[in-house]
All heavy atoms as atom14 arrays in JSON, in Angstrom:
{
  "sequence": "QSVVTVTLTQTSTSITAVPGTTTLTWTPSAGATNAATPPVASATTPV",
  "atom14_mask": [
    [1, 1, 1, 1, 1, 1, 1, 1, 1, 0, 0, 0, 0, 0],
    [1, 1, 1, 1, 1, 1, 0, 0, 0, 0, 0, 0, 0, 0],
    [1, 1, 1, 1, 1, 1, 1, 0, 0, 0, 0, 0, 0, 0],
    [1, 1, 1, 1, 1, 1, 1, 0, 0, 0, 0, 0, 0, 0],
    [1, 1, 1, 1, 1, 1, 1, 0, 0, 0, 0, 0, 0, 0],
    [1, 1, 1, 1, 1, 1, 1, 0, 0, 0, 0, 0, 0, 0],
    [1, 1, 1, 1, 1, 1, 1, 0, 0, 0, 0, 0, 0, 0],
    [1, 1, 1, 1, 1, 1, 1, 1, 0, 0, 0, 0, 0, 0],
    [1, 1, 1, 1, 1, 1, 1, 0, 0, 0, 0, 0, 0, 0],
    [1, 1, 1, 1, 1, 1, 1, 1, 1, 0, 0, 0, 0, 0],
    [1, 1, 1, 1, 1, 1, 1, 0, 0, 0, 0, 0, 0, 0],
    [1, 1, 1, 1, 1, 1, 0, 0, 0, 0, 0, 0, 0, 0],
    [1, 1, 1, 1, 1, 1, 1, 0, 0, 0, 0, 0, 0, 0],
    [1, 1, 1, 1, 1, 1, 0, 0, 0, 0, 0, 0, 0, 0],
    [1, 1, 1, 1, 1, 1, 1, 1, 0, 0, 0, 0, 0, 0],
    [1, 1, 1, 1, 1, 1, 1, 0, 0, 0, 0, 0, 0, 0],
    [1, 1, 1, 1, 1, 0, 0, 0, 0, 0, 0, 0, 0, 0],
    [1, 1, 1, 1, 1, 1, 1, 0, 0, 0, 0, 0, 0, 0],
    [1, 1, 1, 1, 1, 1, 1, 0, 0, 0, 0, 0, 0, 0],
    [1, 1, 1, 1, 0, 0, 0, 0, 0, 0, 0, 0, 0, 0],
    [1, 1, 1, 1, 1, 1, 1, 0, 0, 0, 0, 0, 0, 0],
    [1, 1, 1, 1, 1, 1, 1, 0, 0, 0, 0, 0, 0, 0],
    [1, 1, 1, 1, 1, 1, 1, 0, 0, 0, 0, 0, 0, 0],
    [1, 1, 1, 1, 1, 1, 1, 1, 0, 0, 0, 0, 0, 0],
    [1, 1, 1, 1, 1, 1, 1, 0, 0, 0, 0, 0, 0, 0],
    [1, 1, 1, 1, 1, 1, 1, 1, 1, 1, 1, 1, 1, 1],
    [1, 1, 1, 1, 1, 1, 1, 0, 0, 0, 0, 0, 0, 0],
    [1, 1, 1, 1, 1, 1, 1, 0, 0, 0, 0, 0, 0, 0],
    [1, 1, 1, 1, 1, 1, 0, 0, 0, 0, 0, 0, 0, 0],
    [1, 1, 1, 1, 1, 0, 0, 0, 0, 0, 0, 0, 0, 0],
    [1, 1, 1, 1, 0, 0, 0, 0, 0, 0, 0, 0, 0, 0],
    [1, 1, 1, 1, 1, 0, 0, 0, 0, 0, 0, 0, 0, 0],
    [1, 1, 1, 1, 1, 1, 1, 0, 0, 0, 0, 0, 0, 0],
    [1, 1, 1, 1, 1, 1, 1, 1, 0, 0, 0, 0, 0, 0],
    [1, 1, 1, 1, 1, 0, 0, 0, 0, 0, 0, 0, 0, 0],
    [1, 1, 1, 1, 1, 0, 0, 0, 0, 0, 0, 0, 0, 0],
    [1, 1, 1, 1, 1, 1, 1, 0, 0, 0, 0, 0, 0, 0],
    [1, 1, 1, 1, 1, 1, 1, 0, 0, 0, 0, 0, 0, 0],
    [1, 1, 1, 1, 1, 1, 1, 0, 0, 0, 0, 0, 0, 0],
    [1, 1, 1, 1, 1, 1, 1, 0, 0, 0, 0, 0, 0, 0],
    [1, 1, 1, 1, 1, 0, 0, 0, 0, 0, 0, 0, 0, 0],
    [1, 1, 1, 1, 1, 1, 0, 0, 0, 0, 0, 0, 0, 0],
    [1, 1, 1, 1, 1, 0, 0, 0, 0, 0, 0, 0, 0, 0],
    [1, 1, 1, 1, 1, 1, 1, 0, 0, 0, 0, 0, 0, 0],
    [1, 1, 1, 1, 1, 1, 1, 0, 0, 0, 0, 0, 0, 0],
    [1, 1, 1, 1, 1, 1, 1, 0, 0, 0, 0, 0, 0, 0],
    [1, 1, 1, 1, 1, 1, 1, 0, 0, 0, 0, 0, 0, 0]
  ],
  "atom14_positions": [
    [[41.92, 39.36, 64.82], [41.37, 38.43, 65.85], [39.9, 38.28, 65.52], [39.18, 39.2, 65.2], [41.59, 38.96, 67.21], [43.04, 39.16, 67.63], [43.25, 40.08, 68.71], [42.4, 41.06, 68.92], [44.25, 39.94, 69.51], [0.0, 0.0, 0.0], [0.0, 0.0, 0.0], [0.0, 0.0, 0.0], [0.0, 0.0, 0.0], [0.0, 0.0, 0.0]],
    [[39.43, 37.02, 65.64], [37.98, 36.75, 65.46], [37.26, 37.23, 66.64], [37.63, 36.99, 67.71], [37.86, 35.25, 65.31], [38.18, 34.85, 63.96], [0.0, 0.0, 0.0], [0.0, 0.0, 0.0], [0.0, 0.0, 0.0], [0.0, 0.0, 0.0], [0.0, 0.0, 0.0], [0.0, 0.0, 0.0], [0.0, 0.0, 0.0], [0.0, 0.0, 0.0]],
    [[36.1, 37.82, 66.38], [35.24, 38.37, 67.38], [33.81, 37.82, 67.21], [33.31, 37.93, 66.13], [35.25, 39.92, 67.41], [34.24, 40.45, 68.44], [36.56, 40.54, 67.61], [0.0, 0.0, 0.0], [0.0, 0.0, 0.0], [0.0, 0.0, 0.0], [0.0, 0.0, 0.0], [0.0, 0.0, 0.0], [0.0, 0.0, 0.0], [0.0, 0.0, 0.0]],
    [[33.28, 37.16, 68.14], [31.92, 36.63, 68.0], [31.06, 37.47, 68.96], [31.29, 37.54, 70.18], [31.85, 35.15, 68.46], [30.39, 34.64, 68.47], [32.77, 34.21, 67.59], [0.0, 0.0, 0.0], [0.0, 0.0, 0.0], [0.0, 0.0, 0.0], [0.0, 0.0, 0.0], [0.0, 0.0, 0.0], [0.0, 0.0, 0.0], [0.0, 0.0, 0.0]],
    [[30.06, 38.13, 68.37], [29.11, 39.0, 69.17], [27.72, 38.31, 69.17], [27.12, 38.04, 68.07], [29.02, 40.45, 68.56], [30.35, 40.96, 68.57], [28.1, 41.28, 69.42], [0.0, 0.0, 0.0], [0.0, 0.0, 0.0], [0.0, 0.0, 0.0], [0.0, 0.0, 0.0], [0.0, 0.0, 0.0], [0.0, 0.0, 0.0], [0.0, 0.0, 0.0]],
    [[27.29, 38.08, 70.37], [25.9, 37.41, 70.52], [25.1, 38.51, 71.14], [25.42, 39.14, 72.28], [26.02, 36.22, 71.53], [24.54, 35.76, 71.79], [26.83, 35.12, 70.91], [0.0, 0.0, 0.0], [0.0, 0.0, 0.0], [0.0, 0.0, 0.0], [0.0, 0.0, 0.0], [0.0, 0.0, 0.0], [0.0, 0.0, 0.0], [0.0, 0.0, 0.0]],
    [[24.03, 38.97, 70.45], [23.09, 40.03, 70.86], [21.8, 39.42, 71.26], [21.15, 38.82, 70.37], [22.95, 41.1, 69.74], [24.23, 41.55, 69.39], [22.08, 42.18, 70.26], [0.0, 0.0, 0.0], [0.0, 0.0, 0.0], [0.0, 0.0, 0.0], [0.0, 0.0, 0.0], [0.0, 0.0, 0.0], [0.0, 0.0, 0.0], [0.0, 0.0, 0.0]],
    [[21.36, 39.65, 72.51], [20.04, 39.16, 72.81], [18.93, 39.99, 72.13], [19.03, 41.11, 72.07], [19.83, 39.32, 74.39], [20.93, 38.7, 75.27], [20.54, 38.92, 76.78], [21.07, 37.16, 74.98], [0.0, 0.0, 0.0], [0.0, 0.0, 0.0], [0.0, 0.0, 0.0], [0.0, 0.0, 0.0], [0.0, 0.0, 0.0], [0.0, 0.0, 0.0]],
    [[17.98, 39.28, 71.59], [16.9, 39.98, 70.82], [15.61, 39.71, 71.62], [14.54, 40.21, 71.11], [16.76, 39.32, 69.39], [16.51, 37.91, 69.55], [18.03, 39.6, 68.61], [0.0, 0.0, 0.0], [0.0, 0.0, 0.0], [0.0, 0.0, 0.0], [0.0, 0.0, 0.0], [0.0, 0.0, 0.0], [0.0, 0.0, 0.0], [0.0, 0.0, 0.0]],
    [[15.55, 39.18, 72.83], [14.38, 38.98, 73.54], [14.73, 39.18, 75.03], [15.83, 38.97, 75.42], [13.96, 37.54, 73.27], [12.73, 37.08, 74.03], [12.51, 35.55, 73.75], [13.35, 34.83, 73.45], [11.24, 35.17, 73.94], [0.0, 0.0, 0.0], [0.0, 0.0, 0.0], [0.0, 0.0, 0.0], [0.0, 0.0, 0.0], [0.0, 0.0, 0.0]],
    [[13.73, 39.55, 75.77], [13.89, 39.71, 77.21], [12.91, 38.61, 77.8], [11.82, 38.39, 77.33], [13.42, 41.09, 77.64], [14.31, 42.07, 77.02], [13.45, 41.32, 79.14], [0.0, 0.0, 0.0], [0.0, 0.0, 0.0], [0.0, 0.0, 0.0], [0.0, 0.0, 0.0], [0.0, 0.0, 0.0], [0.0, 0.0, 0.0], [0.0, 0.0, 0.0]],
    [[13.3, 38.02, 78.9], [12.41, 37.08, 79.61], [12.28, 37.44, 81.09], [13.2, 37.79, 81.64], [13.1, 35.69, 79.55], [12.43, 34.77, 80.37], [0.0, 0.0, 0.0], [0.0, 0.0, 0.0], [0.0, 0.0, 0.0], [0.0, 0.0, 0.0], [0.0, 0.0, 0.0], [0.0, 0.0, 0.0], [0.0, 0.0, 0.0], [0.0, 0.0, 0.0]],
    [[11.06, 37.43, 81.51], [10.82, 37.79, 82.99], [11.3, 36.6, 83.86], [11.35, 36.75, 85.04], [9.27, 37.96, 83.23], [8.57, 36.72, 82.73], [8.82, 39.16, 82.39], [0.0, 0.0, 0.0], [0.0, 0.0, 0.0], [0.0, 0.0, 0.0], [0.0, 0.0, 0.0], [0.0, 0.0, 0.0], [0.0, 0.0, 0.0], [0.0, 0.0, 0.0]],
    [[11.74, 35.51, 83.25], [12.33, 34.33, 84.03], [13.75, 34.58, 84.38], [14.36, 33.79, 85.08], [12.13, 33.08, 83.35], [10.73, 32.79, 83.23], [0.0, 0.0, 0.0], [0.0, 0.0, 0.0], [0.0, 0.0, 0.0], [0.0, 0.0, 0.0], [0.0, 0.0, 0.0], [0.0, 0.0, 0.0], [0.0, 0.0, 0.0], [0.0, 0.0, 0.0]],
    [[14.36, 35.6, 83.71], [15.8, 36.02, 84.07], [15.7, 37.2, 84.89], [15.22, 38.22, 84.49], [16.56, 36.28, 82.78], [16.62, 35.03, 81.88], [18.07, 36.68, 83.11], [17.22, 35.22, 80.41], [0.0, 0.0, 0.0], [0.0, 0.0, 0.0], [0.0, 0.0, 0.0], [0.0, 0.0, 0.0], [0.0, 0.0, 0.0], [0.0, 0.0, 0.0]],
    [[16.2, 37.13, 86.07], [16.16, 38.2, 87.11], [17.37, 39.08, 87.08], [18.5, 38.62, 86.57], [15.85, 37.65, 88.49], [16.95, 36.78, 88.84], [14.6, 36.94, 88.66], [0.0, 0.0, 0.0], [0.0, 0.0, 0.0], [0.0, 0.0, 0.0], [0.0, 0.0, 0.0], [0.0, 0.0, 0.0], [0.0, 0.0, 0.0], [0.0, 0.0, 0.0]],
    [[17.27, 40.22, 87.62], [18.45, 41.16, 87.7], [19.35, 40.73, 88.85], [18.82, 40.17, 89.79], [18.01, 42.6, 87.89], [0.0, 0.0, 0.0], [0.0, 0.0, 0.0], [0.0, 0.0, 0.0], [0.0, 0.0, 0.0], [0.0, 0.0, 0.0], [0.0, 0.0, 0.0], [0.0, 0.0, 0.0], [0.0, 0.0, 0.0], [0.0, 0.0, 0.0]],
    [[20.64, 40.83, 88.64], [21.59, 40.62, 89.77], [22.13, 41.92, 90.13], [22.9, 42.57, 89.45], [22.74, 39.64, 89.21], [23.75, 39.47, 90.23], [22.01, 38.2, 88.86], [0.0, 0.0, 0.0], [0.0, 0.0, 0.0], [0.0, 0.0, 0.0], [0.0, 0.0, 0.0], [0.0, 0.0, 0.0], [0.0, 0.0, 0.0], [0.0, 0.0, 0.0]],
    [[21.76, 42.29, 91.35], [22.27, 43.62, 91.81], [23.74, 43.48, 92.16], [24.22, 42.41, 92.48], [21.46, 43.92, 93.03], [21.03, 42.61, 93.56], [20.84, 41.73, 92.26], [0.0, 0.0, 0.0], [0.0, 0.0, 0.0], [0.0, 0.0, 0.0], [0.0, 0.0, 0.0], [0.0, 0.0, 0.0], [0.0, 0.0, 0.0], [0.0, 0.0, 0.0]],
    [[24.53, 44.54, 92.04], [25.96, 44.58, 92.34], [26.72, 44.21, 91.14], [26.39, 44.33, 90.0], [0.0, 0.0, 0.0], [0.0, 0.0, 0.0], [0.0, 0.0, 0.0], [0.0, 0.0, 0.0], [0.0, 0.0, 0.0], [0.0, 0.0, 0.0], [0.0, 0.0, 0.0], [0.0, 0.0, 0.0], [0.0, 0.0, 0.0], [0.0, 0.0, 0.0]],
    [[27.96, 43.66, 91.39], [28.78, 43.43, 90.3], [29.18, 41.94, 90.18], [29.06, 41.22, 91.13], [30.13, 44.15, 90.52], [30.66, 43.77, 91.67], [29.9, 45.65, 90.49], [0.0, 0.0, 0.0], [0.0, 0.0, 0.0], [0.0, 0.0, 0.0], [0.0, 0.0, 0.0], [0.0, 0.0, 0.0], [0.0, 0.0, 0.0], [0.0, 0.0, 0.0]],
    [[29.56, 41.47, 88.88], [29.92, 40.08, 88.64], [31.12, 40.16, 87.73], [31.37, 41.25, 87.09], [28.83, 39.28, 87.99], [28.44, 39.96, 86.74], [27.66, 39.13, 88.98], [0.0, 0.0, 0.0], [0.0, 0.0, 0.0], [0.0, 0.0, 0.0], [0.0, 0.0, 0.0], [0.0, 0.0, 0.0], [0.0, 0.0, 0.0], [0.0, 0.0, 0.0]],
    [[31.83, 39.08, 87.55], [32.87, 38.92, 86.56], [32.56, 37.65, 85.71], [32.42, 36.59, 86.32], [34.19, 38.75, 87.26], [34.38, 39.93, 88.11], [35.39, 38.7, 86.29], [0.0, 0.0, 0.0], [0.0, 0.0, 0.0], [0.0, 0.0, 0.0], [0.0, 0.0, 0.0], [0.0, 0.0, 0.0], [0.0, 0.0, 0.0], [0.0, 0.0, 0.0]],
    [[32.56, 37.81, 84.45], [32.35, 36.71, 83.44], [33.63, 35.92, 83.34], [34.76, 36.46, 83.39], [31.92, 37.24, 82.16], [30.74, 38.15, 82.02], [30.56, 38.57, 80.53], [29.54, 37.49, 82.65], [0.0, 0.0, 0.0], [0.0, 0.0, 0.0], [0.0, 0.0, 0.0], [0.0, 0.0, 0.0], [0.0, 0.0, 0.0], [0.0, 0.0, 0.0]],
    [[33.45, 34.59, 83.16], [34.61, 33.63, 82.98], [34.2, 32.8, 81.84], [33.2, 32.01, 81.94], [34.99, 32.83, 84.23], [35.33, 33.71, 85.27], [36.18, 31.93, 83.87], [0.0, 0.0, 0.0], [0.0, 0.0, 0.0], [0.0, 0.0, 0.0], [0.0, 0.0, 0.0], [0.0, 0.0, 0.0], [0.0, 0.0, 0.0], [0.0, 0.0, 0.0]],
    [[34.93, 32.84, 80.65], [34.58, 32.07, 79.45], [35.6, 30.82, 79.45], [36.79, 31.07, 79.48], [34.73, 32.95, 78.25], [34.76, 32.26, 76.87], [34.04, 31.13, 76.53], [35.42, 32.73, 75.8], [34.22, 30.97, 75.21], [35.03, 31.84, 74.73], [36.31, 33.77, 75.56], [35.58, 31.99, 73.46], [36.88, 33.95, 74.26], [36.48, 33.13, 73.19]],
    [[34.99, 29.62, 79.26], [35.8, 28.46, 78.96], [35.54, 28.13, 77.48], [34.54, 27.55, 77.19], [35.43, 27.3, 79.89], [35.6, 27.75, 81.2], [36.3, 26.07, 79.66], [0.0, 0.0, 0.0], [0.0, 0.0, 0.0], [0.0, 0.0, 0.0], [0.0, 0.0, 0.0], [0.0, 0.0, 0.0], [0.0, 0.0, 0.0], [0.0, 0.0, 0.0]],
    [[36.46, 28.49, 76.57], [36.3, 28.1, 75.17], [36.15, 26.71, 74.86], [36.68, 25.85, 75.63], [37.52, 28.77, 74.49], [38.11, 29.77, 75.49], [37.77, 29.14, 76.87], [0.0, 0.0, 0.0], [0.0, 0.0, 0.0], [0.0, 0.0, 0.0], [0.0, 0.0, 0.0], [0.0, 0.0, 0.0], [0.0, 0.0, 0.0], [0.0, 0.0, 0.0]],
    [[35.63, 26.37, 73.77], [35.48, 25.01, 73.29], [36.7, 24.65, 72.38], [37.11, 25.43, 71.43], [34.22, 24.81, 72.43], [34.24, 23.6, 71.76], [0.0, 0.0, 0.0], [0.0, 0.0, 0.0], [0.0, 0.0, 0.0], [0.0, 0.0, 0.0], [0.0, 0.0, 0.0], [0.0, 0.0, 0.0], [0.0, 0.0, 0.0], [0.0, 0.0, 0.0]],
    [[37.21, 23.35, 72.47], [38.22, 22.94, 71.62], [37.76, 22.65, 70.27], [38.54, 22.35, 69.32], [38.9, 21.67, 72.19], [0.0, 0.0, 0.0], [0.0, 0.0, 0.0], [0.0, 0.0, 0.0], [0.0, 0.0, 0.0], [0.0, 0.0, 0.0], [0.0, 0.0, 0.0], [0.0, 0.0, 0.0], [0.0, 0.0, 0.0], [0.0, 0.0, 0.0]],
    [[36.4, 22.68, 70.13], [35.82, 22.36, 68.77], [36.01, 23.48, 67.8], [35.94, 23.4, 66.57], [0.0, 0.0, 0.0], [0.0, 0.0, 0.0], [0.0, 0.0, 0.0], [0.0, 0.0, 0.0], [0.0, 0.0, 0.0], [0.0, 0.0, 0.0], [0.0, 0.0, 0.0], [0.0, 0.0, 0.0], [0.0, 0.0, 0.0], [0.0, 0.0, 0.0]],
    [[36.32, 24.75, 68.33], [36.66, 25.9, 67.45], [38.12, 25.76, 67.11], [39.03, 25.5, 67.88], [36.44, 27.2, 68.14], [0.0, 0.0, 0.0], [0.0, 0.0, 0.0], [0.0, 0.0, 0.0], [0.0, 0.0, 0.0], [0.0, 0.0, 0.0], [0.0, 0.0, 0.0], [0.0, 0.0, 0.0], [0.0, 0.0, 0.0], [0.0, 0.0, 0.0]],
    [[38.43, 25.98, 65.76], [39.87, 25.83, 65.28], [40.23, 27.13, 64.61], [39.36, 27.84, 64.09], [39.95, 24.61, 64.34], [39.1, 24.91, 63.23], [39.53, 23.32, 64.99], [0.0, 0.0, 0.0], [0.0, 0.0, 0.0], [0.0, 0.0, 0.0], [0.0, 0.0, 0.0], [0.0, 0.0, 0.0], [0.0, 0.0, 0.0], [0.0, 0.0, 0.0]],
    [[41.53, 27.29, 64.5], [41.93, 28.51, 63.72], [41.86, 28.34, 62.23], [41.52, 27.2, 61.79], [43.39, 28.92, 64.19], [44.44, 28.02, 63.81], [44.25, 26.9, 63.21], [45.68, 28.21, 64.3], [0.0, 0.0, 0.0], [0.0, 0.0, 0.0], [0.0, 0.0, 0.0], [0.0, 0.0, 0.0], [0.0, 0.0, 0.0], [0.0, 0.0, 0.0]],
    [[42.22, 29.29, 61.44], [42.12, 29.22, 60.01], [43.36, 28.65, 59.35], [43.41, 28.66, 58.09], [41.8, 30.57, 59.46], [0.0, 0.0, 0.0], [0.0, 0.0, 0.0], [0.0, 0.0, 0.0], [0.0, 0.0, 0.0], [0.0, 0.0, 0.0], [0.0, 0.0, 0.0], [0.0, 0.0, 0.0], [0.0, 0.0, 0.0], [0.0, 0.0, 0.0]],
    [[44.28, 28.16, 60.15], [45.57, 27.64, 59.58], [45.32, 26.27, 58.87], [44.31, 25.67, 58.99], [46.55, 27.47, 60.67], [0.0, 0.0, 0.0], [0.0, 0.0, 0.0], [0.0, 0.0, 0.0], [0.0, 0.0, 0.0], [0.0, 0.0, 0.0], [0.0, 0.0, 0.0], [0.0, 0.0, 0.0], [0.0, 0.0, 0.0], [0.0, 0.0, 0.0]],
    [[46.29, 25.86, 58.09], [46.26, 24.55, 57.47], [47.5, 23.87, 57.89], [48.69, 24.23, 57.67], [46.25, 24.73, 55.94], [45.26, 25.5, 55.5], [46.22, 23.38, 55.28], [0.0, 0.0, 0.0], [0.0, 0.0, 0.0], [0.0, 0.0, 0.0], [0.0, 0.0, 0.0], [0.0, 0.0, 0.0], [0.0, 0.0, 0.0], [0.0, 0.0, 0.0]],
    [[47.42, 22.73, 58.61], [46.07, 22.11, 59.18], [45.56, 23.06, 60.33], [46.39, 23.66, 61.09], [46.6, 20.84, 59.58], [47.93, 20.88, 60.01], [48.57, 21.96, 59.1], [0.0, 0.0, 0.0], [0.0, 0.0, 0.0], [0.0, 0.0, 0.0], [0.0, 0.0, 0.0], [0.0, 0.0, 0.0], [0.0, 0.0, 0.0], [0.0, 0.0, 0.0]],
    [[44.29, 22.98, 60.57], [43.72, 23.78, 61.68], [44.15, 23.27, 63.0], [44.43, 22.03, 63.19], [42.21, 23.58, 61.51], [42.07, 22.38, 60.61], [43.33, 22.18, 59.83], [0.0, 0.0, 0.0], [0.0, 0.0, 0.0], [0.0, 0.0, 0.0], [0.0, 0.0, 0.0], [0.0, 0.0, 0.0], [0.0, 0.0, 0.0], [0.0, 0.0, 0.0]],
    [[44.28, 24.13, 63.97], [44.61, 23.86, 65.36], [43.42, 24.16, 66.2], [42.85, 25.24, 66.14], [45.93, 24.64, 65.75], [46.31, 24.34, 67.2], [47.07, 24.3, 64.84], [0.0, 0.0, 0.0], [0.0, 0.0, 0.0], [0.0, 0.0, 0.0], [0.0, 0.0, 0.0], [0.0, 0.0, 0.0], [0.0, 0.0, 0.0], [0.0, 0.0, 0.0]],
    [[43.11, 23.25, 67.15], [42.0, 23.49, 68.05], [42.33, 24.53, 69.13], [43.48, 24.69, 69.59], [41.75, 22.1, 68.76], [0.0, 0.0, 0.0], [0.0, 0.0, 0.0], [0.0, 0.0, 0.0], [0.0, 0.0, 0.0], [0.0, 0.0, 0.0], [0.0, 0.0, 0.0], [0.0, 0.0, 0.0], [0.0, 0.0, 0.0], [0.0, 0.0, 0.0]],
    [[41.3, 25.26, 69.59], [41.41, 26.3, 70.52], [41.84, 25.61, 71.91], [41.29, 24.57, 72.14], [40.14, 27.07, 70.65], [40.18, 28.05, 71.71], [0.0, 0.0, 0.0], [0.0, 0.0, 0.0], [0.0, 0.0, 0.0], [0.0, 0.0, 0.0], [0.0, 0.0, 0.0], [0.0, 0.0, 0.0], [0.0, 0.0, 0.0], [0.0, 0.0, 0.0]],
    [[42.6, 26.34, 72.65], [42.86, 25.99, 74.03], [41.5, 26.18, 74.82], [40.77, 27.02, 74.36], [43.99, 26.82, 74.57], [0.0, 0.0, 0.0], [0.0, 0.0, 0.0], [0.0, 0.0, 0.0], [0.0, 0.0, 0.0], [0.0, 0.0, 0.0], [0.0, 0.0, 0.0], [0.0, 0.0, 0.0], [0.0, 0.0, 0.0], [0.0, 0.0, 0.0]],
    [[41.39, 25.46, 75.84], [40.23, 25.6, 76.65], [40.48, 26.28, 78.01], [39.69, 26.18, 78.92], [39.53, 24.23, 76.88], [40.5, 23.37, 77.57], [39.05, 23.57, 75.61], [0.0, 0.0, 0.0], [0.0, 0.0, 0.0], [0.0, 0.0, 0.0], [0.0, 0.0, 0.0], [0.0, 0.0, 0.0], [0.0, 0.0, 0.0], [0.0, 0.0, 0.0]],
    [[41.58, 26.95, 77.98], [41.97, 27.71, 79.24], [40.88, 28.83, 79.5], [40.59, 29.61, 78.65], [43.29, 28.33, 79.05], [44.28, 27.35, 78.64], [43.8, 29.06, 80.25], [0.0, 0.0, 0.0], [0.0, 0.0, 0.0], [0.0, 0.0, 0.0], [0.0, 0.0, 0.0], [0.0, 0.0, 0.0], [0.0, 0.0, 0.0], [0.0, 0.0, 0.0]],
    [[40.31, 28.85, 80.75], [39.31, 29.86, 81.06], [39.84, 31.38, 80.86], [41.03, 31.57, 81.21], [39.02, 29.54, 82.45], [39.3, 28.14, 82.74], [40.57, 27.93, 81.8], [0.0, 0.0, 0.0], [0.0, 0.0, 0.0], [0.0, 0.0, 0.0], [0.0, 0.0, 0.0], [0.0, 0.0, 0.0], [0.0, 0.0, 0.0], [0.0, 0.0, 0.0]],
    [[39.04, 32.28, 80.41], [39.4, 33.59, 80.23], [38.49, 34.39, 81.1], [37.23, 34.36, 81.07], [39.12, 33.98, 78.73], [39.37, 35.48, 78.48], [39.93, 33.17, 77.82], [0.0, 0.0, 0.0], [0.0, 0.0, 0.0], [0.0, 0.0, 0.0], [0.0, 0.0, 0.0], [0.0, 0.0, 0.0], [0.0, 0.0, 0.0], [0.0, 0.0, 0.0]]
  ]
}
């Protein structure tokens, strides 16, 4: 499976801490395609 890791290299005082807990929800882009021939666009179903 393809894994994309984004690592923050900077801290900003304009981004504040959020106390407590949260849950991330990712909505992928259909612009990303698999490595098949012909390529198939990614579903945009939220994760």
